Amino acid sequence: MAHLEITYCTGCNWLLRAGWYAQECLSTFGTALRVTIIPDDSGGVFRVELDGTQIWERKADGGFPDIRTLKQRIRDQIEPERSLGHLDRH
């Protein structure tokens, strides 16, 4: 089972965004994924890590990921053969 951690800034009120990403990822990957949402008050942080490896960081990657990108990055690491259906179409 892979472990996804979503760290969000409490001062920026990004809990709902973090929760939505968590819900979307769990809906897609089910029991193959465990998700932890981590509050942080250091200012402006929004980071997503998969099994200890950063796969998205708001400042470095220029904002928030679209859900397609996030799911593809997760899939590519934990189940590369898995189809994401319409999300894989261009």
N, C-alpha and C. Protein backbone atom coordinates (compact mmCIF):
# COMPACT_ATOMS: atom_id res chain seq x y z
N MET A 1 0.84 -1.18 0.00
CA MET A 1 0.00 0.00 0.00
C MET A 1 0.89 1.24 0.00
N ALA A 2 0.59 2.17 -0.89
CA ALA A 2 1.33 3.42 -0.98
C ALA A 2 0.76 4.42 0.02
N HIS A 3 1.61 5.36 0.42
CA HIS A 3 1.20 6.36 1.40
C HIS A 3 1.34 7.76 0.79
N LEU A 4 0.22 8.45 0.67
CA LEU A 4 0.17 9.81 0.15
C LEU A 4 0.01 10.77 1.32
N GLU A 5 0.86 11.78 1.39
CA GLU A 5 0.75 12.82 2.41
C GLU A 5 0.51 14.15 1.73
N ILE A 6 -0.53 14.84 2.18
CA ILE A 6 -0.84 16.17 1.66
C ILE A 6 -0.68 17.15 2.82
N THR A 7 0.29 18.03 2.70
CA THR A 7 0.56 19.04 3.73
C THR A 7 0.02 20.37 3.23
N TYR A 8 -0.77 21.04 4.05
CA TYR A 8 -1.42 22.28 3.62
C TYR A 8 -1.25 23.37 4.67
N CYS A 9 -1.32 24.62 4.23
CA CYS A 9 -1.21 25.78 5.10
C CYS A 9 -2.55 26.07 5.77
N THR A 10 -2.54 26.09 7.10
CA THR A 10 -3.77 26.40 7.84
C THR A 10 -4.13 27.87 7.72
N GLY A 11 -3.14 28.74 7.67
CA GLY A 11 -3.39 30.18 7.55
C GLY A 11 -4.02 30.56 6.23
N CYS A 12 -3.74 29.78 5.20
CA CYS A 12 -4.30 30.03 3.86
C CYS A 12 -5.65 29.35 3.66
N ASN A 13 -6.08 28.59 4.66
CA ASN A 13 -7.36 27.88 4.61
C ASN A 13 -7.45 26.90 3.45
N TRP A 14 -6.41 26.09 3.27
CA TRP A 14 -6.38 25.13 2.17
C TRP A 14 -6.81 23.73 2.59
N LEU A 15 -7.46 23.60 3.75
CA LEU A 15 -7.93 22.29 4.20
C LEU A 15 -8.92 21.68 3.22
N LEU A 16 -9.88 22.44 2.75
CA LEU A 16 -10.88 21.89 1.82
C LEU A 16 -10.23 21.40 0.53
N ARG A 17 -9.25 22.14 0.04
CA ARG A 17 -8.53 21.73 -1.17
C ARG A 17 -7.78 20.42 -0.90
N ALA A 18 -7.09 20.34 0.24
CA ALA A 18 -6.36 19.12 0.59
C ALA A 18 -7.33 17.94 0.72
N GLY A 19 -8.47 18.18 1.34
CA GLY A 19 -9.47 17.14 1.50
C GLY A 19 -10.04 16.66 0.18
N TRP A 20 -10.24 17.60 -0.75
CA TRP A 20 -10.77 17.24 -2.07
C TRP A 20 -9.77 16.37 -2.82
N TYR A 21 -8.49 16.77 -2.80
CA TYR A 21 -7.45 15.95 -3.44
C TYR A 21 -7.42 14.56 -2.83
N ALA A 22 -7.49 14.48 -1.51
CA ALA A 22 -7.48 13.19 -0.83
C ALA A 22 -8.66 12.33 -1.27
N GLN A 23 -9.84 12.92 -1.31
CA GLN A 23 -11.05 12.21 -1.72
C GLN A 23 -10.93 11.70 -3.15
N GLU A 24 -10.46 12.53 -4.04
CA GLU A 24 -10.31 12.14 -5.45
C GLU A 24 -9.32 10.98 -5.60
N CYS A 25 -8.22 11.07 -4.89
CA CYS A 25 -7.20 10.02 -4.99
C CYS A 25 -7.70 8.71 -4.40
N LEU A 26 -8.39 8.78 -3.28
CA LEU A 26 -8.95 7.57 -2.69
C LEU A 26 -10.04 6.97 -3.57
N SER A 27 -10.82 7.81 -4.22
CA SER A 27 -11.86 7.30 -5.12
C SER A 27 -11.25 6.55 -6.29
N THR A 28 -10.10 7.00 -6.76
CA THR A 28 -9.45 6.37 -7.90
C THR A 28 -8.65 5.14 -7.50
N PHE A 29 -7.86 5.24 -6.43
CA PHE A 29 -6.91 4.18 -6.09
C PHE A 29 -7.38 3.25 -4.97
N GLY A 30 -8.43 3.61 -4.27
CA GLY A 30 -9.02 2.75 -3.26
C GLY A 30 -8.02 2.23 -2.23
N THR A 31 -8.02 0.93 -2.04
CA THR A 31 -7.20 0.33 -0.99
C THR A 31 -5.71 0.26 -1.34
N ALA A 32 -5.34 0.68 -2.54
CA ALA A 32 -3.92 0.71 -2.91
C ALA A 32 -3.22 1.93 -2.32
N LEU A 33 -4.01 2.83 -1.70
CA LEU A 33 -3.47 4.10 -1.23
C LEU A 33 -3.97 4.42 0.16
N ARG A 34 -3.07 4.89 1.00
CA ARG A 34 -3.42 5.43 2.31
C ARG A 34 -3.10 6.92 2.26
N VAL A 35 -3.99 7.78 2.75
CA VAL A 35 -3.80 9.22 2.64
C VAL A 35 -3.79 9.86 4.03
N THR A 36 -2.83 10.74 4.23
CA THR A 36 -2.74 11.53 5.46
C THR A 36 -2.75 13.00 5.07
N ILE A 37 -3.58 13.79 5.76
CA ILE A 37 -3.63 15.24 5.55
C ILE A 37 -2.97 15.89 6.76
N ILE A 38 -1.98 16.73 6.49
CA ILE A 38 -1.16 17.30 7.56
C ILE A 38 -1.29 18.83 7.56
N PRO A 39 -1.80 19.41 8.65
CA PRO A 39 -1.86 20.87 8.74
C PRO A 39 -0.48 21.45 9.05
N ASP A 40 -0.21 22.63 8.51
CA ASP A 40 1.08 23.29 8.70
C ASP A 40 0.82 24.80 8.81
N ASP A 41 1.49 25.44 9.75
CA ASP A 41 1.27 26.88 9.91
C ASP A 41 2.50 27.71 9.55
N SER A 42 3.39 27.15 8.74
CA SER A 42 4.63 27.87 8.40
C SER A 42 4.44 28.87 7.26
N GLY A 43 3.27 28.88 6.63
CA GLY A 43 2.97 29.90 5.63
C GLY A 43 3.10 29.46 4.18
N GLY A 44 1.97 29.29 3.54
CA GLY A 44 1.92 29.06 2.11
C GLY A 44 2.27 27.68 1.61
N VAL A 45 2.45 26.74 2.50
CA VAL A 45 2.86 25.40 2.06
C VAL A 45 1.68 24.60 1.50
N PHE A 46 1.91 23.95 0.39
CA PHE A 46 1.00 22.94 -0.13
C PHE A 46 1.87 21.94 -0.85
N ARG A 47 2.07 20.79 -0.22
CA ARG A 47 3.02 19.79 -0.71
C ARG A 47 2.34 18.42 -0.72
N VAL A 48 2.64 17.66 -1.75
CA VAL A 48 2.12 16.29 -1.86
C VAL A 48 3.32 15.35 -1.98
N GLU A 49 3.37 14.37 -1.10
CA GLU A 49 4.43 13.37 -1.11
C GLU A 49 3.83 11.98 -1.23
N LEU A 50 4.50 11.15 -2.00
CA LEU A 50 4.07 9.76 -2.16
C LEU A 50 5.22 8.87 -1.71
N ASP A 51 4.98 8.09 -0.67
CA ASP A 51 6.00 7.22 -0.10
C ASP A 51 7.30 7.98 0.19
N GLY A 52 7.16 9.19 0.72
CA GLY A 52 8.31 9.99 1.13
C GLY A 52 8.97 10.79 0.03
N THR A 53 8.47 10.68 -1.20
CA THR A 53 9.03 11.42 -2.32
C THR A 53 8.05 12.53 -2.73
N GLN A 54 8.56 13.74 -2.80
CA GLN A 54 7.70 14.86 -3.18
C GLN A 54 7.28 14.73 -4.63
N ILE A 55 5.96 14.79 -4.89
CA ILE A 55 5.47 14.73 -6.27
C ILE A 55 4.83 16.05 -6.70
N TRP A 56 4.58 16.95 -5.74
CA TRP A 56 4.08 18.28 -6.07
C TRP A 56 4.36 19.22 -4.92
N GLU A 57 4.78 20.44 -5.26
CA GLU A 57 4.98 21.48 -4.26
C GLU A 57 4.54 22.78 -4.89
N ARG A 58 3.62 23.46 -4.23
CA ARG A 58 2.94 24.63 -4.80
C ARG A 58 3.90 25.69 -5.32
N LYS A 59 4.88 26.07 -4.55
CA LYS A 59 5.80 27.13 -4.96
C LYS A 59 6.71 26.67 -6.09
N ALA A 60 7.27 25.49 -5.98
CA ALA A 60 8.20 24.98 -6.99
C ALA A 60 7.51 24.64 -8.31
N ASP A 61 6.27 24.14 -8.21
CA ASP A 61 5.56 23.68 -9.41
C ASP A 61 4.56 24.70 -9.96
N GLY A 62 4.51 25.88 -9.37
CA GLY A 62 3.69 26.95 -9.94
C GLY A 62 2.20 26.83 -9.66
N GLY A 63 1.82 26.67 -8.42
CA GLY A 63 0.41 26.61 -8.06
C GLY A 63 -0.02 25.22 -7.64
N PHE A 64 -1.28 24.96 -7.83
CA PHE A 64 -1.86 23.68 -7.43
C PHE A 64 -1.98 22.76 -8.64
N PRO A 65 -1.83 21.46 -8.43
CA PRO A 65 -1.94 20.54 -9.56
C PRO A 65 -3.40 20.37 -9.99
N ASP A 66 -3.59 20.15 -11.30
CA ASP A 66 -4.93 19.71 -11.69
C ASP A 66 -5.00 18.24 -11.30
N ILE A 67 -6.20 17.75 -11.12
CA ILE A 67 -6.37 16.40 -10.59
C ILE A 67 -5.82 15.35 -11.55
N ARG A 68 -5.89 15.61 -12.85
CA ARG A 68 -5.35 14.69 -13.84
C ARG A 68 -3.85 14.47 -13.60
N THR A 69 -3.11 15.57 -13.46
CA THR A 69 -1.66 15.49 -13.25
C THR A 69 -1.33 14.75 -11.98
N LEU A 70 -2.03 15.07 -10.90
CA LEU A 70 -1.76 14.42 -9.63
C LEU A 70 -2.02 12.92 -9.70
N LYS A 71 -3.15 12.52 -10.26
CA LYS A 71 -3.47 11.10 -10.37
C LYS A 71 -2.49 10.37 -11.27
N GLN A 72 -2.06 11.00 -12.35
CA GLN A 72 -1.10 10.37 -13.24
C GLN A 72 0.24 10.16 -12.55
N ARG A 73 0.67 11.13 -11.76
CA ARG A 73 1.94 10.99 -11.04
C ARG A 73 1.86 9.87 -10.00
N ILE A 74 0.74 9.76 -9.34
CA ILE A 74 0.55 8.68 -8.36
C ILE A 74 0.53 7.34 -9.08
N ARG A 75 -0.27 7.24 -10.11
CA ARG A 75 -0.39 6.00 -10.88
C ARG A 75 0.97 5.55 -11.42
N ASP A 76 1.73 6.50 -11.97
CA ASP A 76 3.02 6.16 -12.57
C ASP A 76 3.98 5.55 -11.56
N GLN A 77 3.81 5.87 -10.28
CA GLN A 77 4.69 5.31 -9.25
C GLN A 77 4.16 4.01 -8.63
N ILE A 78 2.84 3.91 -8.45
CA ILE A 78 2.33 2.75 -7.71
C ILE A 78 1.71 1.67 -8.60
N GLU A 79 1.16 2.05 -9.75
CA GLU A 79 0.51 1.08 -10.64
C GLU A 79 0.65 1.55 -12.09
N PRO A 80 1.87 1.53 -12.64
CA PRO A 80 2.09 2.10 -13.97
C PRO A 80 1.24 1.49 -15.08
N GLU A 81 0.80 0.25 -14.90
CA GLU A 81 -0.01 -0.41 -15.93
C GLU A 81 -1.49 -0.02 -15.85
N ARG A 82 -1.88 0.65 -14.80
CA ARG A 82 -3.28 1.00 -14.56
C ARG A 82 -3.75 2.09 -15.52
N SER A 83 -4.94 1.91 -16.08
CA SER A 83 -5.55 2.93 -16.92
C SER A 83 -6.37 3.88 -16.04
N LEU A 84 -6.27 5.15 -16.33
CA LEU A 84 -7.09 6.14 -15.63
C LEU A 84 -8.28 6.57 -16.50
N GLY A 85 -8.57 5.75 -17.49
CA GLY A 85 -9.74 6.01 -18.34
C GLY A 85 -9.64 7.34 -19.06
N HIS A 86 -10.67 8.16 -18.93
CA HIS A 86 -10.72 9.43 -19.65
C HIS A 86 -9.60 10.38 -19.27
N LEU A 87 -9.01 10.22 -18.09
CA LEU A 87 -7.91 11.10 -17.68
C LEU A 87 -6.64 10.86 -18.50
N ASP A 88 -6.53 9.67 -19.11
CA ASP A 88 -5.37 9.37 -19.93
C ASP A 88 -5.53 9.86 -21.38
N ARG A 89 -6.70 10.27 -21.74
CA ARG A 89 -6.92 10.76 -23.11
C ARG A 89 -6.48 12.21 -23.20
N HIS A 90 -5.96 12.55 -24.37
CA HIS A 90 -5.48 13.94 -24.59
C HIS A 90 -6.47 14.72 -25.40
